[in-house]
Amino acid sequence: MSAFSVIYFTHLNRQTTSGLEILLTERDELDIEWRNLLLEQNSLAEHSTIESKASKLLQMKRPNINSEVIIQL
């Protein structure tokens, strides 16, 4: 009985260790994905990126001096 319990708990220990390794690998992959998403967010938030998308996708342009209207309060 004692030998059987040693075998059983050794088996459980190996399964648990294997599961832990899988979870640690998944955590590392998610951490890498999170860092890549932060880099992408920072690059998309840059002023030059926003300005180029506004001009290409929305056909927006900077107003010239003659078309500016200044409102004083």
C-alpha atoms as a PDB file:
ATOM      1  CA  MET A   1       0.000   0.000   0.000  1.00  0.00           C
ATOM      2  CA  SER A   2       2.833   2.360   0.851  1.00  0.00           C
ATOM      3  CA  ALA A   3       4.579   1.743  -2.463  1.00  0.00           C
ATOM      4  CA  PHE A   4       1.333   2.312  -4.371  1.00  0.00           C
ATOM      5  CA  SER A   5       0.769   5.636  -2.632  1.00  0.00           C
ATOM      6  CA  VAL A   6       4.327   6.738  -3.477  1.00  0.00           C
ATOM      7  CA  ILE A   7       3.728   5.879  -7.140  1.00  0.00           C
ATOM      8  CA  TYR A   8       0.340   7.619  -7.136  1.00  0.00           C
ATOM      9  CA  PHE A   9       1.608  10.839  -5.549  1.00  0.00           C
ATOM     10  CA  THR A  10       4.679  10.868  -7.804  1.00  0.00           C
ATOM     11  CA  HIS A  11       2.336  10.644 -10.773  1.00  0.00           C
ATOM     12  CA  LEU A  12       0.182  13.490  -9.413  1.00  0.00           C
ATOM     13  CA  ASN A  13       3.294  15.572  -8.806  1.00  0.00           C
ATOM     14  CA  ARG A  14       4.436  15.055 -12.418  1.00  0.00           C
ATOM     15  CA  GLN A  15       1.001  15.977 -13.783  1.00  0.00           C
ATOM     16  CA  THR A  16       0.885  19.093 -11.630  1.00  0.00           C
ATOM     17  CA  THR A  17       4.402  20.098 -12.663  1.00  0.00           C
ATOM     18  CA  SER A  18       3.500  19.565 -16.309  1.00  0.00           C
ATOM     19  CA  GLY A  19       0.378  21.696 -15.905  1.00  0.00           C
ATOM     20  CA  LEU A  20       2.425  24.414 -14.215  1.00  0.00           C
ATOM     21  CA  GLU A  21       4.904  24.462 -17.102  1.00  0.00           C
ATOM     22  CA  ILE A  22       2.056  24.824 -19.592  1.00  0.00           C
ATOM     23  CA  LEU A  23       0.580  27.722 -17.616  1.00  0.00           C
ATOM     24  CA  LEU A  24       3.961  29.449 -17.295  1.00  0.00           C
ATOM     25  CA  THR A  25       4.510  29.149 -21.041  1.00  0.00           C
ATOM     26  CA  GLU A  26       1.052  30.580 -21.708  1.00  0.00           C
ATOM     27  CA  ARG A  27       1.740  33.441 -19.288  1.00  0.00           C
ATOM     28  CA  ASP A  28       4.998  34.254 -21.085  1.00  0.00           C
ATOM     29  CA  GLU A  29       3.233  34.250 -24.470  1.00  0.00           C
ATOM     30  CA  LEU A  30       0.507  36.555 -23.143  1.00  0.00           C
ATOM     31  CA  ASP A  31       3.140  38.858 -21.640  1.00  0.00           C
ATOM     32  CA  ILE A  32       4.899  39.114 -25.009  1.00  0.00           C
ATOM     33  CA  GLU A  33       1.571  39.807 -26.744  1.00  0.00           C
ATOM     34  CA  TRP A  34       0.769  42.502 -24.146  1.00  0.00           C
ATOM     35  CA  ARG A  35       4.122  44.224 -24.755  1.00  0.00           C
ATOM     36  CA  ASN A  36       3.570  44.110 -28.517  1.00  0.00           C
ATOM     37  CA  LEU A  37       0.102  45.632 -28.095  1.00  0.00           C
ATOM     38  CA  LEU A  38       1.530  48.429 -25.936  1.00  0.00           C
ATOM     39  CA  LEU A  39       4.130  49.173 -28.605  1.00  0.00           C
ATOM     40  CA  GLU A  40       1.440  49.211 -31.276  1.00  0.00           C
ATOM     41  CA  GLN A  41      -0.746  51.521 -29.167  1.00  0.00           C
ATOM     42  CA  ASN A  42       2.142  53.929 -28.647  1.00  0.00           C
ATOM     43  CA  SER A  43       2.991  54.001 -32.333  1.00  0.00           C
ATOM     44  CA  LEU A  44      -0.646  54.570 -33.325  1.00  0.00           C
ATOM     45  CA  ALA A  45      -0.987  57.395 -30.813  1.00  0.00           C
ATOM     46  CA  GLU A  46       1.945  59.346 -32.253  1.00  0.00           C
ATOM     47  CA  HIS A  47       1.004  62.702 -33.738  1.00  0.00           C
ATOM     48  CA  SER A  48       2.525  61.937 -37.140  1.00  0.00           C
ATOM     49  CA  THR A  49       0.528  58.722 -37.454  1.00  0.00           C
ATOM     50  CA  ILE A  50      -2.727  60.460 -36.598  1.00  0.00           C
ATOM     51  CA  GLU A  51      -1.944  63.304 -38.989  1.00  0.00           C
ATOM     52  CA  SER A  52      -1.118  60.981 -41.881  1.00  0.00           C
ATOM     53  CA  LYS A  53      -4.267  58.897 -41.337  1.00  0.00           C
ATOM     54  CA  ALA A  54      -6.382  62.051 -41.163  1.00  0.00           C
ATOM     55  CA  SER A  55      -4.994  63.282 -44.458  1.00  0.00           C
ATOM     56  CA  LYS A  56      -5.150  59.919 -46.272  1.00  0.00           C
ATOM     57  CA  LEU A  57      -8.362  58.374 -44.973  1.00  0.00           C
ATOM     58  CA  LEU A  58     -10.439  61.463 -44.217  1.00  0.00           C
ATOM     59  CA  GLN A  59      -8.941  63.835 -46.833  1.00  0.00           C
ATOM     60  CA  MET A  60      -8.314  66.379 -44.088  1.00  0.00           C
ATOM     61  CA  LYS A  61      -5.711  69.136 -44.441  1.00  0.00           C
ATOM     62  CA  ARG A  62      -4.336  71.939 -42.349  1.00  0.00           C
ATOM     63  CA  PRO A  63      -6.212  75.197 -42.750  1.00  0.00           C
ATOM     64  CA  ASN A  64      -4.333  78.031 -44.363  1.00  0.00           C
ATOM     65  CA  ILE A  65      -4.010  81.444 -42.754  1.00  0.00           C
ATOM     66  CA  ASN A  66      -6.836  82.989 -44.816  1.00  0.00           C
ATOM     67  CA  SER A  67      -9.357  80.365 -43.782  1.00  0.00           C
ATOM     68  CA  GLU A  68      -8.624  80.523 -40.052  1.00  0.00           C
ATOM     69  CA  VAL A  69     -11.205  82.217 -37.852  1.00  0.00           C
ATOM     70  CA  ILE A  70     -10.106  83.454 -34.441  1.00  0.00           C
ATOM     71  CA  ILE A  71     -12.792  83.825 -31.808  1.00  0.00           C
ATOM     72  CA  GLN A  72     -12.059  86.082 -28.887  1.00  0.00           C
ATOM     73  CA  LEU A  73     -14.031  85.835 -25.679  1.00  0.00           C
END
